[in-house]
Amino acid sequence: MASAKRPETPEALLKRLLDALRAQGVTGPNVLSAIEKTPRDLFTPELFKERSWEDSALPIACGQTISQPFIVGLMTQALTVEPRCRVLEIGTGSGYQTAILSRVSRLVYTVERYRTLMK
């Protein structure tokens, strides 16, 4: 009799994601820490919650997506944001990138054109 496969714990899924990001070149400690402390499932539509910690873009309203964690990490790392920086983000979308930026900078200003996404 085969045993049922247990679903991975949220901690294991997060560790796997962080390991994948490191392997792809996202190595900034502040960026990895921000991703680790920001639950992506809070920004993911209910239909895709179980896929929140995959390294893939997922659909949200208005034909938009919540960006792939690798892209979020790479963009944030490329900014070389310091704790006293202020950041302007155009296109809030799900708010996930905004949340990451808020952990590595002093202040984030963000603008979204779709009212549906402004919750």
PDB file of N, CA and C in Angstrom:
ATOM      1  N   MET A   1       0.847  -1.178   0.000  1.00  0.00           N
ATOM      2  CA  MET A   1       0.000   0.000   0.000  1.00  0.00           C
ATOM      3  C   MET A   1       0.892   1.241   0.000  1.00  0.00           C
ATOM      4  N   ALA A   2       0.644   2.111  -0.938  1.00  0.00           N
ATOM      5  CA  ALA A   2       1.428   3.347  -1.056  1.00  0.00           C
ATOM      6  C   ALA A   2       0.912   4.380  -0.062  1.00  0.00           C
ATOM      7  N   SER A   3       1.838   5.094   0.532  1.00  0.00           N
ATOM      8  CA  SER A   3       1.421   6.135   1.475  1.00  0.00           C
ATOM      9  C   SER A   3       1.056   7.398   0.701  1.00  0.00           C
ATOM     10  N   ALA A   4       0.130   8.136   1.246  1.00  0.00           N
ATOM     11  CA  ALA A   4      -0.306   9.384   0.614  1.00  0.00           C
ATOM     12  C   ALA A   4       0.796  10.433   0.756  1.00  0.00           C
ATOM     13  N   LYS A   5       1.012  11.160  -0.303  1.00  0.00           N
ATOM     14  CA  LYS A   5       2.035  12.211  -0.266  1.00  0.00           C
ATOM     15  C   LYS A   5       1.496  13.406   0.511  1.00  0.00           C
ATOM     16  N   ARG A   6       2.249  13.816   1.505  1.00  0.00           N
ATOM     17  CA  ARG A   6       1.841  14.969   2.310  1.00  0.00           C
ATOM     18  C   ARG A   6       2.165  16.253   1.575  1.00  0.00           C
ATOM     19  N   PRO A   7       1.271  17.223   1.656  1.00  0.00           N
ATOM     20  CA  PRO A   7       1.599  18.516   1.042  1.00  0.00           C
ATOM     21  C   PRO A   7       2.766  19.162   1.800  1.00  0.00           C
ATOM     22  N   GLU A   8       3.563  19.917   1.060  1.00  0.00           N
ATOM     23  CA  GLU A   8       4.692  20.607   1.692  1.00  0.00           C
ATOM     24  C   GLU A   8       4.183  21.685   2.630  1.00  0.00           C
ATOM     25  N   THR A   9       4.923  21.918   3.690  1.00  0.00           N
ATOM     26  CA  THR A   9       4.574  22.974   4.635  1.00  0.00           C
ATOM     27  C   THR A   9       4.863  24.328   3.989  1.00  0.00           C
ATOM     28  N   PRO A  10       4.205  25.386   4.460  1.00  0.00           N
ATOM     29  CA  PRO A  10       4.519  26.726   3.948  1.00  0.00           C
ATOM     30  C   PRO A  10       6.002  27.068   4.117  1.00  0.00           C
ATOM     31  N   GLU A  11       6.594  26.639   5.216  1.00  0.00           N
ATOM     32  CA  GLU A  11       8.015  26.910   5.453  1.00  0.00           C
ATOM     33  C   GLU A  11       8.889  26.236   4.408  1.00  0.00           C
ATOM     34  N   ALA A  12       8.550  24.994   4.060  1.00  0.00           N
ATOM     35  CA  ALA A  12       9.318  24.253   3.051  1.00  0.00           C
ATOM     36  C   ALA A  12       9.160  24.896   1.675  1.00  0.00           C
ATOM     37  N   LEU A  13       7.949  25.336   1.349  1.00  0.00           N
ATOM     38  CA  LEU A  13       7.712  26.003   0.066  1.00  0.00           C
ATOM     39  C   LEU A  13       8.504  27.304  -0.023  1.00  0.00           C
ATOM     40  N   LEU A  14       8.530  28.056   1.072  1.00  0.00           N
ATOM     41  CA  LEU A  14       9.279  29.307   1.110  1.00  0.00           C
ATOM     42  C   LEU A  14      10.777  29.035   0.969  1.00  0.00           C
ATOM     43  N   LYS A  15      11.285  28.042   1.673  1.00  0.00           N
ATOM     44  CA  LYS A  15      12.702  27.704   1.575  1.00  0.00           C
ATOM     45  C   LYS A  15      13.066  27.315   0.147  1.00  0.00           C
ATOM     46  N   ARG A  16      12.206  26.518  -0.478  1.00  0.00           N
ATOM     47  CA  ARG A  16      12.473  26.110  -1.864  1.00  0.00           C
ATOM     48  C   ARG A  16      12.501  27.322  -2.785  1.00  0.00           C
ATOM     49  N   LEU A  17      11.561  28.254  -2.592  1.00  0.00           N
ATOM     50  CA  LEU A  17      11.528  29.466  -3.413  1.00  0.00           C
ATOM     51  C   LEU A  17      12.803  30.288  -3.208  1.00  0.00           C
ATOM     52  N   LEU A  18      13.180  30.514  -1.961  1.00  0.00           N
ATOM     53  CA  LEU A  18      14.382  31.306  -1.678  1.00  0.00           C
ATOM     54  C   LEU A  18      15.636  30.647  -2.253  1.00  0.00           C
ATOM     55  N   ASP A  19      15.726  29.335  -2.167  1.00  0.00           N
ATOM     56  CA  ASP A  19      16.862  28.615  -2.758  1.00  0.00           C
ATOM     57  C   ASP A  19      16.888  28.811  -4.274  1.00  0.00           C
ATOM     58  N   ALA A  20      15.725  28.755  -4.906  1.00  0.00           N
ATOM     59  CA  ALA A  20      15.635  28.946  -6.361  1.00  0.00           C
ATOM     60  C   ALA A  20      16.056  30.365  -6.742  1.00  0.00           C
ATOM     61  N   LEU A  21      15.635  31.356  -5.952  1.00  0.00           N
ATOM     62  CA  LEU A  21      15.997  32.745  -6.239  1.00  0.00           C
ATOM     63  C   LEU A  21      17.512  32.934  -6.117  1.00  0.00           C
ATOM     64  N   ARG A  22      18.101  32.383  -5.072  1.00  0.00           N
ATOM     65  CA  ARG A  22      19.562  32.463  -4.902  1.00  0.00           C
ATOM     66  C   ARG A  22      20.279  31.840  -6.094  1.00  0.00           C
ATOM     67  N   ALA A  23      19.797  30.680  -6.534  1.00  0.00           N
ATOM     68  CA  ALA A  23      20.424  29.970  -7.656  1.00  0.00           C
ATOM     69  C   ALA A  23      20.338  30.779  -8.950  1.00  0.00           C
ATOM     70  N   GLN A  24      19.333  31.649  -9.053  1.00  0.00           N
ATOM     71  CA  GLN A  24      19.150  32.462 -10.254  1.00  0.00           C
ATOM     72  C   GLN A  24      19.832  33.830 -10.139  1.00  0.00           C
ATOM     73  N   GLY A  25      20.486  34.103  -9.011  1.00  0.00           N
ATOM     74  CA  GLY A  25      21.246  35.340  -8.895  1.00  0.00           C
ATOM     75  C   GLY A  25      20.649  36.412  -8.008  1.00  0.00           C
ATOM     76  N   VAL A  26      19.527  36.131  -7.355  1.00  0.00           N
ATOM     77  CA  VAL A  26      18.995  37.090  -6.383  1.00  0.00           C
ATOM     78  C   VAL A  26      19.695  36.767  -5.065  1.00  0.00           C
ATOM     79  N   THR A  27      20.693  37.594  -4.738  1.00  0.00           N
ATOM     80  CA  THR A  27      21.530  37.281  -3.585  1.00  0.00           C
ATOM     81  C   THR A  27      21.563  38.386  -2.529  1.00  0.00           C
ATOM     82  N   GLY A  28      20.940  39.530  -2.820  1.00  0.00           N
ATOM     83  CA  GLY A  28      20.936  40.628  -1.860  1.00  0.00           C
ATOM     84  C   GLY A  28      20.227  40.222  -0.583  1.00  0.00           C
ATOM     85  N   PRO A  29      20.928  40.279   0.561  1.00  0.00           N
ATOM     86  CA  PRO A  29      20.310  39.850   1.816  1.00  0.00           C
ATOM     87  C   PRO A  29      19.043  40.623   2.161  1.00  0.00           C
ATOM     88  N   ASN A  30      19.024  41.932   1.879  1.00  0.00           N
ATOM     89  CA  ASN A  30      17.826  42.714   2.201  1.00  0.00           C
ATOM     90  C   ASN A  30      16.653  42.314   1.305  1.00  0.00           C
ATOM     91  N   VAL A  31      16.925  41.980   0.057  1.00  0.00           N
ATOM     92  CA  VAL A  31      15.871  41.570  -0.876  1.00  0.00           C
ATOM     93  C   VAL A  31      15.335  40.198  -0.479  1.00  0.00           C
ATOM     94  N   LEU A  32      16.218  39.265  -0.218  1.00  0.00           N
ATOM     95  CA  LEU A  32      15.783  37.922   0.187  1.00  0.00           C
ATOM     96  C   LEU A  32      15.011  37.976   1.507  1.00  0.00           C
ATOM     97  N   SER A  33      15.460  38.802   2.419  1.00  0.00           N
ATOM     98  CA  SER A  33      14.761  38.958   3.694  1.00  0.00           C
ATOM     99  C   SER A  33      13.358  39.535   3.480  1.00  0.00           C
ATOM    100  N   ALA A  34      13.243  40.520   2.596  1.00  0.00           N
ATOM    101  CA  ALA A  34      11.935  41.120   2.303  1.00  0.00           C
ATOM    102  C   ALA A  34      10.986  40.090   1.699  1.00  0.00           C
ATOM    103  N   ILE A  35      11.494  39.267   0.791  1.00  0.00           N
ATOM    104  CA  ILE A  35      10.668  38.228   0.177  1.00  0.00           C
ATOM    105  C   ILE A  35      10.268  37.198   1.230  1.00  0.00           C
ATOM    106  N   GLU A  36      11.203  36.843   2.080  1.00  0.00           N
ATOM    107  CA  GLU A  36      10.922  35.863   3.133  1.00  0.00           C
ATOM    108  C   GLU A  36       9.842  36.349   4.099  1.00  0.00           C
ATOM    109  N   LYS A  37       9.838  37.649   4.399  1.00  0.00           N
ATOM    110  CA  LYS A  37       8.907  38.208   5.385  1.00  0.00           C
ATOM    111  C   LYS A  37       7.574  38.658   4.795  1.00  0.00           C
ATOM    112  N   THR A  38       7.415  38.552   3.476  1.00  0.00           N
ATOM    113  CA  THR A  38       6.197  39.039   2.827  1.00  0.00           C
ATOM    114  C   THR A  38       5.406  37.868   2.261  1.00  0.00           C
ATOM    115  N   PRO A  39       4.336  37.470   2.920  1.00  0.00           N
ATOM    116  CA  PRO A  39       3.548  36.322   2.459  1.00  0.00           C
ATOM    117  C   PRO A  39       2.864  36.610   1.101  1.00  0.00           C
ATOM    118  N   ARG A  40       3.381  36.006   0.049  1.00  0.00           N
ATOM    119  CA  ARG A  40       2.861  36.257  -1.304  1.00  0.00           C
ATOM    120  C   ARG A  40       1.392  35.846  -1.428  1.00  0.00           C
ATOM    121  N   ASP A  41       0.963  34.877  -0.632  1.00  0.00           N
ATOM    122  CA  ASP A  41      -0.422  34.431  -0.726  1.00  0.00           C
ATOM    123  C   ASP A  41      -1.419  35.524  -0.336  1.00  0.00           C
ATOM    124  N   LEU A  42      -0.979  36.527   0.409  1.00  0.00           N
ATOM    125  CA  LEU A  42      -1.868  37.652   0.745  1.00  0.00           C
ATOM    126  C   LEU A  42      -2.198  38.503  -0.481  1.00  0.00           C
ATOM    127  N   PHE A  43      -1.401  38.386  -1.533  1.00  0.00           N
ATOM    128  CA  PHE A  43      -1.558  39.206  -2.730  1.00  0.00           C
ATOM    129  C   PHE A  43      -2.058  38.394  -3.925  1.00  0.00           C
ATOM    130  N   THR A  44      -2.313  37.121  -3.705  1.00  0.00           N
ATOM    131  CA  THR A  44      -2.706  36.204  -4.766  1.00  0.00           C
ATOM    132  C   THR A  44      -4.206  35.935  -4.690  1.00  0.00           C
ATOM    133  N   PRO A  45      -4.897  35.934  -5.838  1.00  0.00           N
ATOM    134  CA  PRO A  45      -6.325  35.611  -5.824  1.00  0.00           C
ATOM    135  C   PRO A  45      -6.584  34.221  -5.229  1.00  0.00           C
ATOM    136  N   GLU A  46      -7.723  34.061  -4.613  1.00  0.00           N
ATOM    137  CA  GLU A  46      -8.083  32.813  -3.931  1.00  0.00           C
ATOM    138  C   GLU A  46      -7.870  31.583  -4.816  1.00  0.00           C
ATOM    139  N   LEU A  47      -8.210  31.683  -6.064  1.00  0.00           N
ATOM    140  CA  LEU A  47      -8.094  30.569  -7.004  1.00  0.00           C
ATOM    141  C   LEU A  47      -6.653  30.053  -7.130  1.00  0.00           C
ATOM    142  N   PHE A  48      -5.679  30.918  -6.882  1.00  0.00           N
ATOM    143  CA  PHE A  48      -4.275  30.554  -7.066  1.00  0.00           C
ATOM    144  C   PHE A  48      -3.469  30.510  -5.766  1.00  0.00           C
ATOM    145  N   LYS A  49      -4.142  30.563  -4.618  1.00  0.00           N
ATOM    146  CA  LYS A  49      -3.440  30.585  -3.320  1.00  0.00           C
ATOM    147  C   LYS A  49      -2.463  29.422  -3.177  1.00  0.00           C
ATOM    148  N   GLU A  50      -2.869  28.223  -3.604  1.00  0.00           N
ATOM    149  CA  GLU A  50      -1.989  27.062  -3.434  1.00  0.00           C
ATOM    150  C   GLU A  50      -0.724  27.150  -4.277  1.00  0.00           C
ATOM    151  N   ARG A  51      -0.697  28.064  -5.239  1.00  0.00           N
ATOM    152  CA  ARG A  51       0.479  28.252  -6.095  1.00  0.00           C
ATOM    153  C   ARG A  51       1.266  29.510  -5.726  1.00  0.00           C
ATOM    154  N   SER A  52       0.921  30.138  -4.630  1.00  0.00           N
ATOM    155  CA  SER A  52       1.524  31.418  -4.245  1.00  0.00           C
ATOM    156  C   SER A  52       3.040  31.398  -4.150  1.00  0.00           C
ATOM    157  N   TRP A  53       3.610  30.293  -3.698  1.00  0.00           N
ATOM    158  CA  TRP A  53       5.055  30.249  -3.488  1.00  0.00           C
ATOM    159  C   TRP A  53       5.807  29.619  -4.648  1.00  0.00           C
ATOM    160  N   GLU A  54       5.120  29.423  -5.765  1.00  0.00           N
ATOM    161  CA  GLU A  54       5.820  28.996  -6.978  1.00  0.00           C
ATOM    162  C   GLU A  54       6.544  30.201  -7.565  1.00  0.00           C
ATOM    163  N   ASP A  55       7.618  29.939  -8.265  1.00  0.00           N
ATOM    164  CA  ASP A  55       8.345  31.020  -8.934  1.00  0.00           C
ATOM    165  C   ASP A  55       7.738  31.230 -10.317  1.00  0.00           C
ATOM    166  N   SER A  56       6.492  31.708 -10.309  1.00  0.00           N
ATOM    167  CA  SER A  56       5.796  31.963 -11.569  1.00  0.00           C
ATOM    168  C   SER A  56       4.847  33.141 -11.395  1.00  0.00           C
ATOM    169  N   ALA A  57       4.583  33.817 -12.517  1.00  0.00           N
ATOM    170  CA  ALA A  57       3.590  34.890 -12.509  1.00  0.00           C
ATOM    171  C   ALA A  57       2.210  34.238 -12.425  1.00  0.00           C
ATOM    172  N   LEU A  58       1.303  34.901 -11.737  1.00  0.00           N
ATOM    173  CA  LEU A  58      -0.064  34.383 -11.601  1.00  0.00           C
ATOM    174  C   LEU A  58      -1.052  35.480 -11.983  1.00  0.00           C
ATOM    175  N   PRO A  59      -2.173  35.107 -12.605  1.00  0.00           N
ATOM    176  CA  PRO A  59      -3.136  36.126 -13.021  1.00  0.00           C
ATOM    177  C   PRO A  59      -3.858  36.777 -11.843  1.00  0.00           C
ATOM    178  N   ILE A  60      -4.107  38.078 -12.006  1.00  0.00           N
ATOM    179  CA  ILE A  60      -4.960  38.832 -11.087  1.00  0.00           C
ATOM    180  C   ILE A  60      -6.010  39.523 -11.964  1.00  0.00           C
ATOM    181  N   ALA A  61      -6.771  40.402 -11.414  1.00  0.00           N
ATOM    182  CA  ALA A  61      -7.835  41.090 -12.155  1.00  0.00           C
ATOM    183  C   ALA A  61      -7.277  41.977 -13.279  1.00  0.00           C
ATOM    184  N   CYS A  62      -8.149  42.386 -14.173  1.00  0.00           N
ATOM    185  CA  CYS A  62      -7.848  43.353 -15.240  1.00  0.00           C
ATOM    186  C   CYS A  62      -6.798  42.853 -16.234  1.00  0.00           C
ATOM    187  N   GLY A  63      -6.666  41.537 -16.373  1.00  0.00           N
ATOM    188  CA  GLY A  63      -5.702  40.994 -17.317  1.00  0.00           C
ATOM    189  C   GLY A  63      -4.259  41.194 -16.893  1.00  0.00           C
ATOM    190  N   GLN A  64      -4.033  41.494 -15.631  1.00  0.00           N
ATOM    191  CA  GLN A  64      -2.693  41.740 -15.102  1.00  0.00           C
ATOM    192  C   GLN A  64      -2.191  40.475 -14.390  1.00  0.00           C
ATOM    193  N   THR A  65      -0.959  40.516 -13.938  1.00  0.00           N
ATOM    194  CA  THR A  65      -0.401  39.392 -13.183  1.00  0.00           C
ATOM    195  C   THR A  65       0.328  39.884 -11.943  1.00  0.00           C
ATOM    196  N   ILE A  66       0.431  39.004 -10.968  1.00  0.00           N
ATOM    197  CA  ILE A  66       1.359  39.214  -9.862  1.00  0.00           C
ATOM    198  C   ILE A  66       2.676  38.646 -10.390  1.00  0.00           C
ATOM    199  N   SER A  67       3.697  39.447 -10.377  1.00  0.00           N
ATOM    200  CA  SER A  67       4.959  39.072 -11.013  1.00  0.00           C
ATOM    201  C   SER A  67       5.596  37.848 -10.368  1.00  0.00           C
ATOM    202  N   GLN A  68       6.374  37.163 -11.166  1.00  0.00           N
ATOM    203  CA  GLN A  68       7.170  36.029 -10.723  1.00  0.00           C
ATOM    204  C   GLN A  68       8.138  36.508  -9.636  1.00  0.00           C
ATOM    205  N   PRO A  69       8.251  35.793  -8.523  1.00  0.00           N
ATOM    206  CA  PRO A  69       9.159  36.217  -7.458  1.00  0.00           C
ATOM    207  C   PRO A  69      10.585  36.496  -7.938  1.00  0.00           C
ATOM    208  N   PHE A  70      11.083  35.733  -8.895  1.00  0.00           N
ATOM    209  CA  PHE A  70      12.422  35.992  -9.420  1.00  0.00           C
ATOM    210  C   PHE A  70      12.501  37.397 -10.015  1.00  0.00           C
ATOM    211  N   ILE A  71      11.493  37.799 -10.773  1.00  0.00           N
ATOM    212  CA  ILE A  71      11.488  39.127 -11.392  1.00  0.00           C
ATOM    213  C   ILE A  71      11.395  40.205 -10.314  1.00  0.00           C
ATOM    214  N   VAL A  72      10.540  39.999  -9.322  1.00  0.00           N
ATOM    215  CA  VAL A  72      10.420  40.950  -8.213  1.00  0.00           C
ATOM    216  C   VAL A  72      11.775  41.090  -7.510  1.00  0.00           C
ATOM    217  N   GLY A  73      12.405  39.965  -7.209  1.00  0.00           N
ATOM    218  CA  GLY A  73      13.700  39.997  -6.537  1.00  0.00           C
ATOM    219  C   GLY A  73      14.776  40.648  -7.384  1.00  0.00           C
ATOM    220  N   LEU A  74      14.815  40.303  -8.658  1.00  0.00           N
ATOM    221  CA  LEU A  74      15.830  40.858  -9.555  1.00  0.00           C
ATOM    222  C   LEU A  74      15.654  42.367  -9.729  1.00  0.00           C
ATOM    223  N   MET A  75      14.410  42.812  -9.924  1.00  0.00           N
ATOM    224  CA  MET A  75      14.153  44.253 -10.076  1.00  0.00           C
ATOM    225  C   MET A  75      14.509  45.009  -8.804  1.00  0.00           C
ATOM    226  N   THR A  76      14.122  44.472  -7.673  1.00  0.00           N
ATOM    227  CA  THR A  76      14.396  45.133  -6.400  1.00  0.00           C
ATOM    228  C   THR A  76      15.900  45.196  -6.148  1.00  0.00           C
ATOM    229  N   GLN A  77      16.588  44.106  -6.423  1.00  0.00           N
ATOM    230  CA  GLN A  77      18.037  44.077  -6.248  1.00  0.00           C
ATOM    231  C   GLN A  77      18.728  45.074  -7.178  1.00  0.00           C
ATOM    232  N   ALA A  78      18.248  45.188  -8.413  1.00  0.00           N
ATOM    233  CA  ALA A  78      18.849  46.100  -9.396  1.00  0.00           C
ATOM    234  C   ALA A  78      18.695  47.563  -8.986  1.00  0.00           C
ATOM    235  N   LEU A  79      17.671  47.860  -8.204  1.00  0.00           N
ATOM    236  CA  LEU A  79      17.454  49.239  -7.752  1.00  0.00           C
ATOM    237  C   LEU A  79      18.512  49.704  -6.759  1.00  0.00           C
ATOM    238  N   THR A  80      19.161  48.794  -6.113  1.00  0.00           N
ATOM    239  CA  THR A  80      20.101  49.101  -5.027  1.00  0.00           C
ATOM    240  C   THR A  80      19.512  50.119  -4.040  1.00  0.00           C
ATOM    241  N   VAL A  81      18.304  49.836  -3.618  1.00  0.00           N
ATOM    242  CA  VAL A  81      17.585  50.687  -2.671  1.00  0.00           C
ATOM    243  C   VAL A  81      18.240  50.588  -1.299  1.00  0.00           C
ATOM    244  N   GLU A  82      18.379  51.730  -0.662  1.00  0.00           N
ATOM    245  CA  GLU A  82      18.906  51.789   0.695  1.00  0.00           C
ATOM    246  C   GLU A  82      17.771  52.171   1.652  1.00  0.00           C
ATOM    247  N   PRO A  83      17.921  51.888   2.924  1.00  0.00           N
ATOM    248  CA  PRO A  83      16.838  52.116   3.885  1.00  0.00           C
ATOM    249  C   PRO A  83      16.289  53.548   3.929  1.00  0.00           C
ATOM    250  N   ARG A  84      17.055  54.534   3.527  1.00  0.00           N
ATOM    251  CA  ARG A  84      16.561  55.911   3.567  1.00  0.00           C
ATOM    252  C   ARG A  84      15.950  56.364   2.235  1.00  0.00           C
ATOM    253  N   CYS A  85      15.910  55.497   1.253  1.00  0.00           N
ATOM    254  CA  CYS A  85      15.400  55.847  -0.086  1.00  0.00           C
ATOM    255  C   CYS A  85      13.881  55.971  -0.097  1.00  0.00           C
ATOM    256  N   ARG A  86      13.420  56.811  -1.012  1.00  0.00           N
ATOM    257  CA  ARG A  86      12.003  56.888  -1.345  1.00  0.00           C
ATOM    258  C   ARG A  86      11.858  56.335  -2.756  1.00  0.00           C
ATOM    259  N   VAL A  87      10.819  55.541  -2.981  1.00  0.00           N
ATOM    260  CA  VAL A  87      10.643  54.855  -4.260  1.00  0.00           C
ATOM    261  C   VAL A  87       9.288  55.219  -4.856  1.00  0.00           C
ATOM    262  N   LEU A  88       9.262  55.445  -6.169  1.00  0.00           N
ATOM    263  CA  LEU A  88       8.017  55.647  -6.908  1.00  0.00           C
ATOM    264  C   LEU A  88       7.788  54.418  -7.770  1.00  0.00           C
ATOM    265  N   GLU A  89       6.654  53.779  -7.569  1.00  0.00           N
ATOM    266  CA  GLU A  89       6.280  52.601  -8.343  1.00  0.00           C
ATOM    267  C   GLU A  89       5.077  52.954  -9.210  1.00  0.00           C
ATOM    268  N   ILE A  90       5.165  52.650 -10.492  1.00  0.00           N
ATOM    269  CA  ILE A  90       4.049  52.877 -11.412  1.00  0.00           C
ATOM    270  C   ILE A  90       3.456  51.513 -11.747  1.00  0.00           C
ATOM    271  N   GLY A  91       2.194  51.317 -11.390  1.00  0.00           N
ATOM    272  CA  GLY A  91       1.530  50.043 -11.635  1.00  0.00           C
ATOM    273  C   GLY A  91       1.565  49.152 -10.415  1.00  0.00           C
ATOM    274  N   THR A  92       0.745  49.457  -9.436  1.00  0.00           N
ATOM    275  CA  THR A  92       0.720  48.720  -8.176  1.00  0.00           C
ATOM    276  C   THR A  92       0.320  47.266  -8.357  1.00  0.00           C
ATOM    277  N   GLY A  93      -0.625  47.016  -9.250  1.00  0.00           N
ATOM    278  CA  GLY A  93      -1.088  45.641  -9.478  1.00  0.00           C
ATOM    279  C   GLY A  93      -1.618  45.023  -8.205  1.00  0.00           C
ATOM    280  N   SER A  94      -1.072  43.886  -7.832  1.00  0.00           N
ATOM    281  CA  SER A  94      -1.529  43.180  -6.631  1.00  0.00           C
ATOM    282  C   SER A  94      -1.028  43.841  -5.352  1.00  0.00           C
ATOM    283  N   GLY A  95       0.054  44.618  -5.458  1.00  0.00           N
ATOM    284  CA  GLY A  95       0.661  45.237  -4.283  1.00  0.00           C
ATOM    285  C   GLY A  95       1.835  44.460  -3.731  1.00  0.00           C
ATOM    286  N   TYR A  96       2.139  43.302  -4.319  1.00  0.00           N
ATOM    287  CA  TYR A  96       3.244  42.474  -3.818  1.00  0.00           C
ATOM    288  C   TYR A  96       4.589  43.185  -3.954  1.00  0.00           C
ATOM    289  N   GLN A  97       4.875  43.727  -5.129  1.00  0.00           N
ATOM    290  CA  GLN A  97       6.142  44.447  -5.316  1.00  0.00           C
ATOM    291  C   GLN A  97       6.201  45.643  -4.368  1.00  0.00           C
ATOM    292  N   THR A  98       5.077  46.315  -4.166  1.00  0.00           N
ATOM    293  CA  THR A  98       5.014  47.449  -3.251  1.00  0.00           C
ATOM    294  C   THR A  98       5.406  47.015  -1.836  1.00  0.00           C
ATOM    295  N   ALA A  99       4.874  45.881  -1.419  1.00  0.00           N
ATOM    296  CA  ALA A  99       5.182  45.366  -0.079  1.00  0.00           C
ATOM    297  C   ALA A  99       6.668  45.043   0.059  1.00  0.00           C
ATOM    298  N   ILE A 100       7.249  44.449  -0.977  1.00  0.00           N
ATOM    299  CA  ILE A 100       8.681  44.143  -0.951  1.00  0.00           C
ATOM    300  C   ILE A 100       9.480  45.437  -0.858  1.00  0.00           C
ATOM    301  N   LEU A 101       9.132  46.402  -1.701  1.00  0.00           N
ATOM    302  CA  LEU A 101       9.834  47.687  -1.691  1.00  0.00           C
ATOM    303  C   LEU A 101       9.719  48.381  -0.333  1.00  0.00           C
ATOM    304  N   SER A 102       8.571  48.243   0.312  1.00  0.00           N
ATOM    305  CA  SER A 102       8.379  48.904   1.609  1.00  0.00           C
ATOM    306  C   SER A 102       9.290  48.334   2.688  1.00  0.00           C
ATOM    307  N   ARG A 103       9.777  47.132   2.489  1.00  0.00           N
ATOM    308  CA  ARG A 103      10.678  46.507   3.466  1.00  0.00           C
ATOM    309  C   ARG A 103      12.142  46.884   3.250  1.00  0.00           C
ATOM    310  N   VAL A 104      12.463  47.431   2.070  1.00  0.00           N
ATOM    311  CA  VAL A 104      13.865  47.773   1.786  1.00  0.00           C
ATOM    312  C   VAL A 104      14.090  49.279   1.657  1.00  0.00           C
ATOM    313  N   SER A 105      13.016  50.050   1.744  1.00  0.00           N
ATOM    314  CA  SER A 105      13.145  51.506   1.601  1.00  0.00           C
ATOM    315  C   SER A 105      12.370  52.204   2.709  1.00  0.00           C
ATOM    316  N   ARG A 106      12.548  53.521   2.771  1.00  0.00           N
ATOM    317  CA  ARG A 106      11.861  54.294   3.798  1.00  0.00           C
ATOM    318  C   ARG A 106      10.400  54.528   3.445  1.00  0.00           C
ATOM    319  N   LEU A 107      10.146  54.815   2.165  1.00  0.00           N
ATOM    320  CA  LEU A 107       8.806  55.213   1.742  1.00  0.00           C
ATOM    321  C   LEU A 107       8.576  54.793   0.303  1.00  0.00           C
ATOM    322  N   VAL A 108       7.365  54.296   0.000  1.00  0.00           N
ATOM    323  CA  VAL A 108       7.009  53.910  -1.363  1.00  0.00           C
ATOM    324  C   VAL A 108       5.753  54.671  -1.763  1.00  0.00           C
ATOM    325  N   TYR A 109       5.837  55.345  -2.895  1.00  0.00           N
ATOM    326  CA  TYR A 109       4.674  55.960  -3.526  1.00  0.00           C
ATOM    327  C   TYR A 109       4.316  55.046  -4.682  1.00  0.00           C
ATOM    328  N   THR A 110       3.037  54.713  -4.825  1.00  0.00           N
ATOM    329  CA  THR A 110       2.649  53.806  -5.900  1.00  0.00           C
ATOM    330  C   THR A 110       1.358  54.290  -6.544  1.00  0.00           C
ATOM    331  N   VAL A 111       1.242  54.065  -7.846  1.00  0.00           N
ATOM    332  CA  VAL A 111       0.099  54.525  -8.632  1.00  0.00           C
ATOM    333  C   VAL A 111      -0.446  53.344  -9.418  1.00  0.00           C
ATOM    334  N   GLU A 112      -1.760  53.193  -9.432  1.00  0.00           N
ATOM    335  CA  GLU A 112      -2.416  52.132 -10.204  1.00  0.00           C
ATOM    336  C   GLU A 112      -3.513  52.732 -11.056  1.00  0.00           C
ATOM    337  N   ARG A 113      -3.603  52.327 -12.311  1.00  0.00           N
ATOM    338  CA  ARG A 113      -4.614  52.890 -13.220  1.00  0.00           C
ATOM    339  C   ARG A 113      -5.950  52.172 -13.170  1.00  0.00           C
ATOM    340  N   TYR A 114      -5.983  50.915 -12.705  1.00  0.00           N
ATOM    341  CA  TYR A 114      -7.240  50.173 -12.657  1.00  0.00           C
ATOM    342  C   TYR A 114      -7.859  50.261 -11.265  1.00  0.00           C
ATOM    343  N   ARG A 115      -9.059  50.839 -11.205  1.00  0.00           N
ATOM    344  CA  ARG A 115      -9.761  50.965  -9.917  1.00  0.00           C
ATOM    345  C   ARG A 115     -10.004  49.600  -9.272  1.00  0.00           C
ATOM    346  N   THR A 116     -10.282  48.598 -10.077  1.00  0.00           N
ATOM    347  CA  THR A 116     -10.540  47.255  -9.546  1.00  0.00           C
ATOM    348  C   THR A 116      -9.367  46.740  -8.722  1.00  0.00           C
ATOM    349  N   LEU A 117      -8.165  47.114  -9.104  1.00  0.00           N
ATOM    350  CA  LEU A 117      -6.976  46.664  -8.379  1.00  0.00           C
ATOM    351  C   LEU A 117      -6.682  47.508  -7.151  1.00  0.00           C
ATOM    352  N   MET A 118      -7.324  48.647  -7.032  1.00  0.00           N
ATOM    353  CA  MET A 118      -7.126  49.519  -5.865  1.00  0.00           C
ATOM    354  C   MET A 118      -8.093  49.136  -4.775  1.00  0.00           C
ATOM    355  N   LYS A 119      -7.701  48.150  -3.979  1.00  0.00           N
ATOM    356  CA  LYS A 119      -8.597  47.676  -2.921  1.00  0.00           C
ATOM    357  C   LYS A 119      -8.265  48.361  -1.627  1.00  0.00           C
TER     358      LYS A 119
END
